[in-house]
Amino acid sequence: MAPAATLYGKGHQLREAGRRPIRSRRGGHLCLDYLNTVSDHFSPTGEDDLSPGYVNVVDWFWQAGVLTDHDTARLVRAASKEPREAAAVRKRAIAFREALYAIVNALTLGGEPEKDSLDLFNKELRDANQHGWFAANGLHLAWQWRDEPRLDRILWPIGQSAVDLLTSERFRKVKQCEAEDCQAYFLDNSKNESRRFCSATRCGTADRVRRFRERHKSGT
């Protein structure tokens, strides 16, 4: 019997973890890497690491180092028993990503995020916080997640990462890639904060080639 479409996507092809490489993680922070899982936030045809099925979402978190091999296998097994719930969680993952993108985009441009985006963001945070607690960790406290095989547990660390960044001074270092065809965000940790591209070899080189061609056409 073919795998359920709601679990593996329209292709009905089982994908082993790590078989499809994800795009390079250039954000410098988990929540920014999560935003960068799609090439175009405004087009349904953009390349998306979280599509077409729930297993792709799990696979991204595994390749990003958030999930262990054990957790990955357990979530895929659980999802195979509840494929419709898995599809619903993937839909939430996409919606959460777009809400977070809208928030980061507004804040980096000096504006105020829209209420709908903030409401969805806060809703996911409230849900996630029900599944963890602070515990002693030496001289400090550390947040721990309950060891539950819930399909939506993949979203919990995203909210935690976003709060960590959005409420800190480091957020002023968040920039969007200046390449024409790139929407990626990254944390500029360069010494003089002069970084312009998410990737110097990919977007930086492409931008230099574009400007060279434009100068050549204009004869300057």
N, C-alpha and C. Protein backbone atom coordinates (compact mmCIF):
# COMPACT_ATOMS: atom_id res chain seq x y z
N MET A 1 0.85 -1.20 0.00
CA MET A 1 0.00 0.00 0.00
C MET A 1 0.88 1.24 0.00
N ALA A 2 0.55 2.20 -0.82
CA ALA A 2 1.34 3.44 -0.92
C ALA A 2 1.18 4.26 0.36
N PRO A 3 2.22 4.98 0.79
CA PRO A 3 2.13 5.84 1.97
C PRO A 3 1.03 6.88 1.79
N ALA A 4 0.42 7.28 2.89
CA ALA A 4 -0.66 8.28 2.83
C ALA A 4 -0.14 9.59 2.28
N ALA A 5 -0.91 10.18 1.39
CA ALA A 5 -0.48 11.45 0.78
C ALA A 5 -0.34 12.55 1.81
N THR A 6 -1.17 12.50 2.86
CA THR A 6 -1.12 13.54 3.88
C THR A 6 0.16 13.46 4.71
N LEU A 7 0.85 12.32 4.66
CA LEU A 7 2.08 12.17 5.43
C LEU A 7 3.31 12.44 4.57
N TYR A 8 3.32 11.91 3.36
CA TYR A 8 4.49 12.00 2.52
C TYR A 8 4.34 12.99 1.37
N GLY A 9 3.21 13.63 1.27
CA GLY A 9 3.00 14.59 0.20
C GLY A 9 2.44 13.95 -1.05
N LYS A 10 2.23 14.75 -2.05
CA LYS A 10 1.56 14.29 -3.26
C LYS A 10 2.36 13.25 -4.04
N GLY A 11 3.67 13.24 -3.84
CA GLY A 11 4.48 12.32 -4.62
C GLY A 11 4.35 10.87 -4.21
N HIS A 12 3.82 10.61 -3.00
CA HIS A 12 3.66 9.26 -2.47
C HIS A 12 4.99 8.50 -2.42
N GLN A 13 6.10 9.24 -2.25
CA GLN A 13 7.40 8.60 -2.21
C GLN A 13 7.99 8.73 -0.82
N LEU A 14 8.34 7.61 -0.22
CA LEU A 14 8.96 7.61 1.09
C LEU A 14 10.34 8.23 0.99
N ARG A 15 10.64 9.18 1.87
CA ARG A 15 11.95 9.84 1.86
C ARG A 15 12.69 9.50 3.15
N GLU A 16 13.82 8.88 3.04
CA GLU A 16 14.60 8.59 4.21
C GLU A 16 15.22 9.88 4.74
N ALA A 17 15.41 9.94 6.05
CA ALA A 17 15.98 11.14 6.65
C ALA A 17 17.34 11.43 6.03
N GLY A 18 17.52 12.66 5.61
CA GLY A 18 18.78 13.08 5.04
C GLY A 18 18.93 12.80 3.56
N ARG A 19 17.94 12.15 2.95
CA ARG A 19 18.06 11.83 1.52
C ARG A 19 18.00 13.10 0.68
N ARG A 20 17.13 14.05 1.06
CA ARG A 20 17.04 15.30 0.31
C ARG A 20 17.73 16.39 1.12
N PRO A 21 18.88 16.88 0.66
CA PRO A 21 19.60 17.90 1.43
C PRO A 21 18.81 19.19 1.52
N ILE A 22 18.84 19.81 2.68
CA ILE A 22 18.16 21.08 2.87
C ILE A 22 19.09 22.20 2.41
N ARG A 23 18.50 23.39 2.19
CA ARG A 23 19.32 24.52 1.78
C ARG A 23 20.25 24.90 2.94
N SER A 24 21.37 25.47 2.60
CA SER A 24 22.38 25.80 3.61
C SER A 24 21.79 26.67 4.71
N ARG A 25 22.19 26.38 5.93
CA ARG A 25 21.71 27.15 7.08
C ARG A 25 22.65 28.35 7.26
N ARG A 26 22.20 29.51 6.77
CA ARG A 26 23.04 30.70 6.79
C ARG A 26 22.53 31.78 7.73
N GLY A 27 21.45 31.48 8.46
CA GLY A 27 20.83 32.50 9.29
C GLY A 27 21.61 32.84 10.55
N GLY A 28 22.35 31.87 11.08
CA GLY A 28 23.09 32.13 12.31
C GLY A 28 22.26 31.99 13.55
N HIS A 29 21.00 31.63 13.40
CA HIS A 29 20.11 31.42 14.54
C HIS A 29 18.98 30.52 14.06
N LEU A 30 18.54 29.60 14.91
CA LEU A 30 17.56 28.60 14.49
C LEU A 30 16.32 29.21 13.87
N CYS A 31 15.74 30.23 14.51
CA CYS A 31 14.49 30.78 13.99
C CYS A 31 14.70 31.46 12.63
N LEU A 32 15.88 32.01 12.39
CA LEU A 32 16.16 32.62 11.08
C LEU A 32 16.36 31.54 10.03
N ASP A 33 17.03 30.46 10.39
CA ASP A 33 17.16 29.34 9.46
C ASP A 33 15.78 28.80 9.09
N TYR A 34 14.89 28.81 10.06
CA TYR A 34 13.52 28.33 9.82
C TYR A 34 12.82 29.25 8.81
N LEU A 35 13.00 30.54 8.94
CA LEU A 35 12.41 31.47 7.97
C LEU A 35 12.95 31.21 6.58
N ASN A 36 14.20 30.80 6.50
CA ASN A 36 14.87 30.64 5.22
C ASN A 36 14.62 29.28 4.57
N THR A 37 13.66 28.52 5.08
CA THR A 37 13.37 27.21 4.50
C THR A 37 12.60 27.30 3.19
N VAL A 38 12.17 28.48 2.78
CA VAL A 38 11.46 28.66 1.51
C VAL A 38 12.17 29.76 0.71
N SER A 39 12.23 29.58 -0.59
CA SER A 39 12.95 30.55 -1.42
C SER A 39 12.15 31.83 -1.66
N ASP A 40 10.82 31.72 -1.65
CA ASP A 40 9.97 32.90 -1.92
C ASP A 40 8.73 32.83 -1.05
N HIS A 41 8.65 33.74 -0.09
CA HIS A 41 7.51 33.74 0.84
C HIS A 41 6.21 34.22 0.18
N PHE A 42 6.32 34.79 -1.00
CA PHE A 42 5.14 35.37 -1.65
C PHE A 42 4.67 34.58 -2.87
N SER A 43 5.29 33.43 -3.10
CA SER A 43 4.90 32.61 -4.24
C SER A 43 4.71 31.15 -3.82
N PRO A 44 3.60 30.53 -4.20
CA PRO A 44 3.37 29.13 -3.83
C PRO A 44 4.29 28.17 -4.57
N THR A 45 5.00 28.65 -5.57
CA THR A 45 5.88 27.78 -6.35
C THR A 45 7.33 27.84 -5.88
N GLY A 46 7.60 28.59 -4.82
CA GLY A 46 8.97 28.68 -4.32
C GLY A 46 9.44 27.36 -3.75
N GLU A 47 10.74 27.08 -3.87
CA GLU A 47 11.31 25.86 -3.29
C GLU A 47 11.14 25.90 -1.78
N ASP A 48 10.61 24.80 -1.22
CA ASP A 48 10.26 24.77 0.19
C ASP A 48 10.78 23.50 0.84
N ASP A 49 11.66 23.64 1.83
CA ASP A 49 12.21 22.49 2.53
C ASP A 49 11.18 21.76 3.36
N LEU A 50 10.06 22.41 3.65
CA LEU A 50 9.03 21.81 4.50
C LEU A 50 7.93 21.15 3.70
N SER A 51 8.12 20.99 2.42
CA SER A 51 7.11 20.39 1.55
C SER A 51 7.72 19.17 0.84
N PRO A 52 6.81 18.23 0.43
CA PRO A 52 5.35 18.35 0.42
C PRO A 52 4.64 17.73 1.62
N GLY A 53 5.34 16.98 2.46
CA GLY A 53 4.66 16.30 3.55
C GLY A 53 5.30 16.51 4.91
N TYR A 54 4.66 15.97 5.94
CA TYR A 54 5.14 16.10 7.32
C TYR A 54 6.54 15.54 7.48
N VAL A 55 6.86 14.46 6.77
CA VAL A 55 8.20 13.87 6.91
C VAL A 55 9.28 14.86 6.50
N ASN A 56 8.95 15.78 5.59
CA ASN A 56 9.93 16.77 5.17
C ASN A 56 10.20 17.78 6.28
N VAL A 57 9.16 18.10 7.05
CA VAL A 57 9.33 19.00 8.19
C VAL A 57 10.23 18.34 9.23
N VAL A 58 9.93 17.08 9.53
CA VAL A 58 10.74 16.33 10.49
C VAL A 58 12.18 16.22 9.99
N ASP A 59 12.33 15.95 8.71
CA ASP A 59 13.66 15.80 8.14
C ASP A 59 14.48 17.09 8.26
N TRP A 60 13.81 18.24 8.06
CA TRP A 60 14.54 19.51 8.19
C TRP A 60 15.06 19.67 9.62
N PHE A 61 14.22 19.38 10.60
CA PHE A 61 14.64 19.54 11.99
C PHE A 61 15.75 18.55 12.34
N TRP A 62 15.71 17.37 11.74
CA TRP A 62 16.78 16.40 11.98
C TRP A 62 18.08 16.91 11.38
N GLN A 63 18.04 17.36 10.13
CA GLN A 63 19.26 17.86 9.48
C GLN A 63 19.77 19.14 10.14
N ALA A 64 18.85 19.90 10.76
CA ALA A 64 19.26 21.13 11.45
C ALA A 64 19.82 20.84 12.84
N GLY A 65 19.79 19.57 13.24
CA GLY A 65 20.36 19.20 14.53
C GLY A 65 19.43 19.39 15.71
N VAL A 66 18.15 19.63 15.45
CA VAL A 66 17.19 19.83 16.54
C VAL A 66 16.67 18.50 17.06
N LEU A 67 16.46 17.55 16.17
CA LEU A 67 15.96 16.23 16.53
C LEU A 67 17.07 15.19 16.48
N THR A 68 17.04 14.26 17.42
CA THR A 68 17.96 13.12 17.39
C THR A 68 17.43 12.07 16.42
N ASP A 69 18.25 11.09 16.10
CA ASP A 69 17.80 9.98 15.25
C ASP A 69 16.60 9.29 15.89
N HIS A 70 16.68 9.10 17.20
CA HIS A 70 15.59 8.42 17.91
C HIS A 70 14.29 9.22 17.83
N ASP A 71 14.37 10.52 18.08
CA ASP A 71 13.17 11.36 18.02
C ASP A 71 12.59 11.40 16.61
N THR A 72 13.47 11.45 15.61
CA THR A 72 13.02 11.50 14.23
C THR A 72 12.23 10.25 13.87
N ALA A 73 12.80 9.10 14.19
CA ALA A 73 12.13 7.83 13.89
C ALA A 73 10.80 7.71 14.65
N ARG A 74 10.81 8.15 15.89
CA ARG A 74 9.58 8.06 16.69
C ARG A 74 8.48 8.95 16.14
N LEU A 75 8.83 10.15 15.70
CA LEU A 75 7.83 11.05 15.15
C LEU A 75 7.26 10.54 13.83
N VAL A 76 8.12 9.98 12.99
CA VAL A 76 7.64 9.44 11.71
C VAL A 76 6.70 8.26 11.96
N ARG A 77 7.05 7.41 12.93
CA ARG A 77 6.16 6.28 13.26
C ARG A 77 4.82 6.78 13.78
N ALA A 78 4.86 7.79 14.65
CA ALA A 78 3.62 8.34 15.20
C ALA A 78 2.79 8.99 14.11
N ALA A 79 3.46 9.68 13.18
CA ALA A 79 2.75 10.35 12.10
C ALA A 79 2.10 9.36 11.15
N SER A 80 2.72 8.19 10.96
CA SER A 80 2.16 7.19 10.07
C SER A 80 0.83 6.65 10.60
N LYS A 81 0.64 6.76 11.92
CA LYS A 81 -0.62 6.31 12.53
C LYS A 81 -1.68 7.40 12.50
N GLU A 82 -1.24 8.66 12.40
CA GLU A 82 -2.16 9.80 12.37
C GLU A 82 -1.79 10.74 11.22
N PRO A 83 -1.94 10.28 9.98
CA PRO A 83 -1.48 11.09 8.83
C PRO A 83 -2.22 12.41 8.68
N ARG A 84 -3.48 12.43 9.04
CA ARG A 84 -4.24 13.70 8.91
C ARG A 84 -3.77 14.71 9.95
N GLU A 85 -3.49 14.23 11.14
CA GLU A 85 -2.94 15.14 12.16
C GLU A 85 -1.56 15.65 11.73
N ALA A 86 -0.78 14.75 11.12
CA ALA A 86 0.54 15.14 10.63
C ALA A 86 0.42 16.24 9.57
N ALA A 87 -0.57 16.09 8.69
CA ALA A 87 -0.78 17.11 7.66
C ALA A 87 -1.18 18.43 8.29
N ALA A 88 -1.99 18.36 9.34
CA ALA A 88 -2.42 19.59 10.03
C ALA A 88 -1.23 20.27 10.71
N VAL A 89 -0.33 19.49 11.27
CA VAL A 89 0.86 20.07 11.92
C VAL A 89 1.77 20.72 10.89
N ARG A 90 1.92 20.08 9.72
CA ARG A 90 2.73 20.71 8.67
C ARG A 90 2.12 22.04 8.24
N LYS A 91 0.80 22.08 8.18
CA LYS A 91 0.13 23.33 7.83
C LYS A 91 0.40 24.39 8.89
N ARG A 92 0.39 23.99 10.15
CA ARG A 92 0.72 24.92 11.23
C ARG A 92 2.16 25.39 11.12
N ALA A 93 3.05 24.48 10.76
CA ALA A 93 4.46 24.83 10.64
C ALA A 93 4.67 25.91 9.58
N ILE A 94 3.95 25.79 8.47
CA ILE A 94 4.04 26.79 7.41
C ILE A 94 3.47 28.12 7.88
N ALA A 95 2.29 28.06 8.53
CA ALA A 95 1.64 29.29 9.00
C ALA A 95 2.51 29.99 10.05
N PHE A 96 3.13 29.20 10.94
CA PHE A 96 4.00 29.76 11.98
C PHE A 96 5.20 30.44 11.33
N ARG A 97 5.76 29.79 10.33
CA ARG A 97 6.91 30.38 9.63
C ARG A 97 6.54 31.71 8.98
N GLU A 98 5.39 31.77 8.33
CA GLU A 98 4.99 32.99 7.64
C GLU A 98 4.65 34.11 8.63
N ALA A 99 4.07 33.75 9.76
CA ALA A 99 3.78 34.76 10.78
C ALA A 99 5.08 35.32 11.34
N LEU A 100 6.03 34.44 11.60
CA LEU A 100 7.32 34.88 12.11
C LEU A 100 8.07 35.71 11.07
N TYR A 101 7.97 35.33 9.81
CA TYR A 101 8.60 36.12 8.74
C TYR A 101 8.01 37.54 8.71
N ALA A 102 6.68 37.64 8.82
CA ALA A 102 6.02 38.95 8.79
C ALA A 102 6.47 39.81 9.98
N ILE A 103 6.65 39.18 11.13
CA ILE A 103 7.08 39.90 12.33
C ILE A 103 8.50 40.41 12.17
N VAL A 104 9.40 39.53 11.75
CA VAL A 104 10.80 39.92 11.57
C VAL A 104 10.92 40.98 10.48
N ASN A 105 10.18 40.82 9.40
CA ASN A 105 10.22 41.77 8.31
C ASN A 105 9.77 43.16 8.76
N ALA A 106 8.67 43.21 9.52
CA ALA A 106 8.16 44.49 10.00
C ALA A 106 9.15 45.15 10.96
N LEU A 107 9.68 44.38 11.90
CA LEU A 107 10.58 44.95 12.90
C LEU A 107 11.90 45.44 12.29
N THR A 108 12.44 44.69 11.35
CA THR A 108 13.71 45.12 10.74
C THR A 108 13.53 46.34 9.87
N LEU A 109 12.30 46.59 9.43
CA LEU A 109 12.02 47.79 8.63
C LEU A 109 11.56 48.96 9.49
N GLY A 110 11.55 48.74 10.80
CA GLY A 110 11.16 49.81 11.72
C GLY A 110 9.67 49.97 11.88
N GLY A 111 8.90 48.96 11.49
CA GLY A 111 7.45 49.05 11.61
C GLY A 111 6.90 48.20 12.73
N GLU A 112 5.59 48.12 12.82
CA GLU A 112 4.93 47.33 13.85
C GLU A 112 4.27 46.12 13.19
N PRO A 113 4.53 44.92 13.70
CA PRO A 113 3.94 43.72 13.11
C PRO A 113 2.42 43.75 13.16
N GLU A 114 1.79 43.13 12.19
CA GLU A 114 0.35 43.07 12.14
C GLU A 114 -0.19 42.18 13.26
N LYS A 115 -1.39 42.50 13.70
CA LYS A 115 -2.00 41.81 14.83
C LYS A 115 -2.17 40.31 14.53
N ASP A 116 -2.57 39.97 13.32
CA ASP A 116 -2.79 38.55 12.99
C ASP A 116 -1.52 37.73 13.15
N SER A 117 -0.40 38.30 12.73
CA SER A 117 0.87 37.59 12.86
C SER A 117 1.27 37.44 14.33
N LEU A 118 1.09 38.49 15.10
CA LEU A 118 1.42 38.41 16.53
C LEU A 118 0.51 37.45 17.26
N ASP A 119 -0.76 37.45 16.90
CA ASP A 119 -1.71 36.55 17.56
C ASP A 119 -1.33 35.09 17.31
N LEU A 120 -0.99 34.76 16.07
CA LEU A 120 -0.61 33.38 15.76
C LEU A 120 0.69 33.01 16.47
N PHE A 121 1.64 33.94 16.47
CA PHE A 121 2.92 33.71 17.15
C PHE A 121 2.69 33.44 18.63
N ASN A 122 1.89 34.27 19.29
CA ASN A 122 1.61 34.09 20.71
C ASN A 122 0.85 32.81 20.99
N LYS A 123 -0.03 32.42 20.09
CA LYS A 123 -0.79 31.19 20.27
C LYS A 123 0.14 29.98 20.26
N GLU A 124 1.09 29.96 19.33
CA GLU A 124 2.03 28.85 19.28
C GLU A 124 2.93 28.83 20.51
N LEU A 125 3.30 30.01 20.99
CA LEU A 125 4.14 30.07 22.19
C LEU A 125 3.38 29.55 23.41
N ARG A 126 2.12 29.94 23.56
CA ARG A 126 1.32 29.46 24.69
C ARG A 126 1.17 27.95 24.65
N ASP A 127 0.96 27.42 23.46
CA ASP A 127 0.81 25.97 23.34
C ASP A 127 2.11 25.26 23.69
N ALA A 128 3.23 25.78 23.20
CA ALA A 128 4.52 25.14 23.45
C ALA A 128 4.87 25.17 24.93
N ASN A 129 4.61 26.29 25.59
CA ASN A 129 5.01 26.44 26.99
C ASN A 129 4.27 25.50 27.93
N GLN A 130 3.20 24.90 27.46
CA GLN A 130 2.47 23.93 28.28
C GLN A 130 3.24 22.60 28.37
N HIS A 131 4.26 22.45 27.54
CA HIS A 131 4.95 21.16 27.45
C HIS A 131 6.39 21.23 27.93
N GLY A 132 6.67 22.19 28.80
CA GLY A 132 8.02 22.29 29.33
C GLY A 132 8.05 22.95 30.68
N TRP A 133 9.22 23.00 31.27
CA TRP A 133 9.38 23.62 32.58
C TRP A 133 10.85 23.99 32.79
N PHE A 134 11.09 24.87 33.76
CA PHE A 134 12.46 25.21 34.15
C PHE A 134 12.94 24.23 35.21
N ALA A 135 14.18 23.78 35.05
CA ALA A 135 14.78 22.86 36.02
C ALA A 135 16.18 23.36 36.39
N ALA A 136 16.65 22.95 37.56
CA ALA A 136 17.99 23.36 38.00
C ALA A 136 19.05 22.78 37.07
N ASN A 137 20.03 23.62 36.74
CA ASN A 137 21.13 23.20 35.88
C ASN A 137 22.40 23.85 36.42
N GLY A 138 22.98 23.24 37.44
CA GLY A 138 24.13 23.85 38.09
C GLY A 138 23.71 25.10 38.84
N LEU A 139 24.35 26.22 38.52
CA LEU A 139 24.03 27.50 39.16
C LEU A 139 22.96 28.26 38.38
N HIS A 140 22.39 27.64 37.37
CA HIS A 140 21.40 28.30 36.54
C HIS A 140 20.15 27.45 36.41
N LEU A 141 19.16 28.01 35.73
CA LEU A 141 17.98 27.26 35.37
C LEU A 141 18.02 26.99 33.87
N ALA A 142 17.47 25.87 33.48
CA ALA A 142 17.43 25.51 32.07
C ALA A 142 16.03 25.02 31.72
N TRP A 143 15.57 25.41 30.55
CA TRP A 143 14.25 24.98 30.09
C TRP A 143 14.34 23.57 29.54
N GLN A 144 13.38 22.73 29.94
CA GLN A 144 13.35 21.35 29.46
C GLN A 144 11.98 21.05 28.86
N TRP A 145 11.98 20.33 27.73
CA TRP A 145 10.73 19.91 27.13
C TRP A 145 10.36 18.53 27.62
N ARG A 146 9.09 18.29 27.79
CA ARG A 146 8.62 16.96 28.15
C ARG A 146 8.93 16.00 27.00
N ASP A 147 9.26 14.78 27.35
CA ASP A 147 9.59 13.78 26.34
C ASP A 147 8.30 13.15 25.83
N GLU A 148 7.58 13.90 25.00
CA GLU A 148 6.31 13.44 24.48
C GLU A 148 6.41 13.23 22.97
N PRO A 149 5.81 12.17 22.45
CA PRO A 149 5.85 11.93 21.00
C PRO A 149 4.78 12.71 20.25
N ARG A 150 4.53 13.92 20.68
CA ARG A 150 3.53 14.76 20.01
C ARG A 150 4.06 15.23 18.66
N LEU A 151 3.20 15.20 17.66
CA LEU A 151 3.63 15.56 16.32
C LEU A 151 4.02 17.03 16.20
N ASP A 152 3.45 17.88 17.06
CA ASP A 152 3.76 19.31 16.96
C ASP A 152 4.95 19.72 17.82
N ARG A 153 5.64 18.77 18.42
CA ARG A 153 6.79 19.13 19.26
C ARG A 153 7.90 19.78 18.43
N ILE A 154 7.89 19.55 17.12
CA ILE A 154 8.89 20.17 16.25
C ILE A 154 8.81 21.69 16.27
N LEU A 155 7.62 22.23 16.60
CA LEU A 155 7.43 23.68 16.60
C LEU A 155 7.91 24.34 17.89
N TRP A 156 8.02 23.58 18.96
CA TRP A 156 8.34 24.17 20.26
C TRP A 156 9.68 24.90 20.27
N PRO A 157 10.76 24.30 19.80
CA PRO A 157 12.06 25.02 19.84
C PRO A 157 12.11 26.24 18.93
N ILE A 158 11.24 26.29 17.91
CA ILE A 158 11.22 27.47 17.05
C ILE A 158 10.74 28.69 17.83
N GLY A 159 9.66 28.51 18.56
CA GLY A 159 9.15 29.61 19.38
C GLY A 159 10.17 30.06 20.41
N GLN A 160 10.83 29.10 21.04
CA GLN A 160 11.85 29.42 22.04
C GLN A 160 13.00 30.19 21.42
N SER A 161 13.42 29.76 20.25
CA SER A 161 14.51 30.44 19.54
C SER A 161 14.11 31.86 19.15
N ALA A 162 12.88 32.02 18.68
CA ALA A 162 12.40 33.34 18.25
C ALA A 162 12.34 34.31 19.43
N VAL A 163 11.84 33.84 20.56
CA VAL A 163 11.77 34.69 21.75
C VAL A 163 13.17 35.12 22.18
N ASP A 164 14.09 34.16 22.15
CA ASP A 164 15.47 34.44 22.53
C ASP A 164 16.07 35.56 21.68
N LEU A 165 15.78 35.54 20.38
CA LEU A 165 16.36 36.54 19.48
C LEU A 165 15.59 37.85 19.47
N LEU A 166 14.27 37.76 19.40
CA LEU A 166 13.45 38.97 19.25
C LEU A 166 13.45 39.86 20.49
N THR A 167 13.79 39.28 21.63
CA THR A 167 13.78 40.07 22.86
C THR A 167 15.19 40.45 23.33
N SER A 168 16.17 40.24 22.46
CA SER A 168 17.55 40.54 22.86
C SER A 168 18.14 41.66 22.02
N GLU A 169 19.28 42.18 22.48
CA GLU A 169 19.98 43.23 21.73
C GLU A 169 20.53 42.71 20.41
N ARG A 170 20.68 41.39 20.31
CA ARG A 170 21.22 40.82 19.08
C ARG A 170 20.29 41.04 17.89
N PHE A 171 19.02 41.30 18.16
CA PHE A 171 18.08 41.45 17.04
C PHE A 171 18.47 42.61 16.12
N ARG A 172 19.15 43.60 16.65
CA ARG A 172 19.56 44.73 15.81
C ARG A 172 20.56 44.29 14.75
N LYS A 173 21.14 43.10 14.91
CA LYS A 173 22.10 42.59 13.94
C LYS A 173 21.43 41.76 12.85
N VAL A 174 20.12 41.61 12.93
CA VAL A 174 19.41 40.82 11.93
C VAL A 174 19.26 41.64 10.64
N LYS A 175 19.65 41.06 9.54
CA LYS A 175 19.56 41.72 8.25
C LYS A 175 18.94 40.78 7.22
N GLN A 176 18.42 41.39 6.16
CA GLN A 176 17.93 40.60 5.04
C GLN A 176 18.95 40.67 3.90
N CYS A 177 19.17 39.55 3.26
CA CYS A 177 20.13 39.49 2.16
C CYS A 177 19.80 40.54 1.10
N GLU A 178 20.82 41.22 0.59
CA GLU A 178 20.63 42.28 -0.39
C GLU A 178 20.58 41.77 -1.83
N ALA A 179 20.79 40.48 -2.04
CA ALA A 179 20.70 39.93 -3.40
C ALA A 179 19.27 40.09 -3.92
N GLU A 180 19.13 40.36 -5.20
CA GLU A 180 17.83 40.64 -5.80
C GLU A 180 16.82 39.52 -5.62
N ASP A 181 17.27 38.29 -5.76
CA ASP A 181 16.35 37.16 -5.75
C ASP A 181 16.41 36.36 -4.45
N CYS A 182 16.82 36.99 -3.36
CA CYS A 182 16.95 36.28 -2.08
C CYS A 182 16.19 37.03 -0.99
N GLN A 183 15.44 36.29 -0.18
CA GLN A 183 14.69 36.87 0.92
C GLN A 183 15.23 36.42 2.28
N ALA A 184 16.37 35.76 2.28
CA ALA A 184 16.90 35.17 3.50
C ALA A 184 17.30 36.23 4.53
N TYR A 185 17.08 35.90 5.79
CA TYR A 185 17.53 36.73 6.90
C TYR A 185 18.75 36.06 7.56
N PHE A 186 19.61 36.88 8.12
CA PHE A 186 20.78 36.35 8.79
C PHE A 186 21.19 37.27 9.93
N LEU A 187 21.96 36.72 10.84
CA LEU A 187 22.49 37.48 11.97
C LEU A 187 23.90 37.93 11.61
N ASP A 188 24.09 39.24 11.50
CA ASP A 188 25.38 39.79 11.08
C ASP A 188 26.31 39.89 12.28
N ASN A 189 27.18 38.90 12.40
CA ASN A 189 28.14 38.88 13.50
C ASN A 189 29.53 39.33 13.06
N SER A 190 29.62 39.95 11.88
CA SER A 190 30.92 40.44 11.41
C SER A 190 31.41 41.56 12.33
N LYS A 191 32.73 41.78 12.34
CA LYS A 191 33.33 42.73 13.28
C LYS A 191 32.75 44.14 13.13
N ASN A 192 32.58 44.60 11.90
CA ASN A 192 32.05 45.96 11.69
C ASN A 192 30.60 45.96 11.20
N GLU A 193 29.95 44.79 11.31
CA GLU A 193 28.55 44.64 10.93
C GLU A 193 28.29 45.16 9.51
N SER A 194 29.16 44.76 8.60
CA SER A 194 29.05 45.22 7.21
C SER A 194 28.61 44.11 6.26
N ARG A 195 28.24 42.98 6.80
CA ARG A 195 27.82 41.86 5.94
C ARG A 195 26.56 42.24 5.17
N ARG A 196 26.52 41.92 3.89
CA ARG A 196 25.40 42.30 3.03
C ARG A 196 24.60 41.12 2.51
N PHE A 197 25.23 39.95 2.47
CA PHE A 197 24.59 38.80 1.86
C PHE A 197 24.54 37.61 2.82
N CYS A 198 23.52 36.78 2.63
CA CYS A 198 23.42 35.59 3.47
C CYS A 198 24.56 34.63 3.19
N SER A 199 25.05 34.66 1.95
CA SER A 199 26.18 33.82 1.56
C SER A 199 27.07 34.60 0.61
N ALA A 200 28.33 34.78 0.98
CA ALA A 200 29.26 35.52 0.13
C ALA A 200 29.53 34.76 -1.16
N THR A 201 29.57 33.43 -1.09
CA THR A 201 29.88 32.64 -2.28
C THR A 201 28.68 32.49 -3.21
N ARG A 202 27.47 32.48 -2.64
CA ARG A 202 26.28 32.29 -3.49
C ARG A 202 25.68 33.63 -3.90
N CYS A 203 25.07 34.31 -2.96
CA CYS A 203 24.41 35.57 -3.28
C CYS A 203 25.40 36.70 -3.56
N GLY A 204 26.50 36.73 -2.83
CA GLY A 204 27.49 37.77 -3.05
C GLY A 204 28.10 37.68 -4.44
N THR A 205 28.46 36.47 -4.84
CA THR A 205 29.03 36.27 -6.17
C THR A 205 28.00 36.59 -7.25
N ALA A 206 26.76 36.14 -7.05
CA ALA A 206 25.71 36.41 -8.04
C ALA A 206 25.48 37.90 -8.20
N ASP A 207 25.55 38.64 -7.10
CA ASP A 207 25.35 40.08 -7.18
C ASP A 207 26.49 40.76 -7.93
N ARG A 208 27.71 40.31 -7.70
CA ARG A 208 28.86 40.88 -8.41
C ARG A 208 28.78 40.60 -9.91
N VAL A 209 28.35 39.40 -10.25
CA VAL A 209 28.20 39.05 -11.66
C VAL A 209 27.12 39.90 -12.31
N ARG A 210 26.02 40.10 -11.60
CA ARG A 210 24.92 40.92 -12.13
C ARG A 210 25.38 42.35 -12.38
N ARG A 211 26.07 42.94 -11.40
CA ARG A 211 26.53 44.31 -11.55
C ARG A 211 27.58 44.45 -12.66
N PHE A 212 28.42 43.42 -12.82
CA PHE A 212 29.41 43.42 -13.90
C PHE A 212 28.71 43.43 -15.26
N ARG A 213 27.67 42.62 -15.40
CA ARG A 213 26.95 42.55 -16.67
C ARG A 213 26.22 43.86 -16.96
N GLU A 214 25.68 44.46 -15.89
CA GLU A 214 24.97 45.73 -16.09
C GLU A 214 25.95 46.81 -16.54
N ARG A 215 27.14 46.84 -15.96
CA ARG A 215 28.15 47.84 -16.37
C ARG A 215 28.60 47.57 -17.79
N HIS A 216 28.72 46.29 -18.15
CA HIS A 216 29.16 45.94 -19.50
C HIS A 216 28.12 46.37 -20.54
N LYS A 217 26.84 46.19 -20.21
CA LYS A 217 25.79 46.59 -21.14
C LYS A 217 25.74 48.09 -21.33
N SER A 218 25.99 48.83 -20.22
CA SER A 218 25.91 50.29 -20.29
C SER A 218 27.19 50.92 -20.85
N GLY A 219 28.23 50.08 -20.96
CA GLY A 219 29.49 50.56 -21.52
C GLY A 219 30.34 51.34 -20.55
N THR A 220 30.05 51.24 -19.24
CA THR A 220 30.84 51.96 -18.23
C THR A 220 31.87 51.04 -17.61
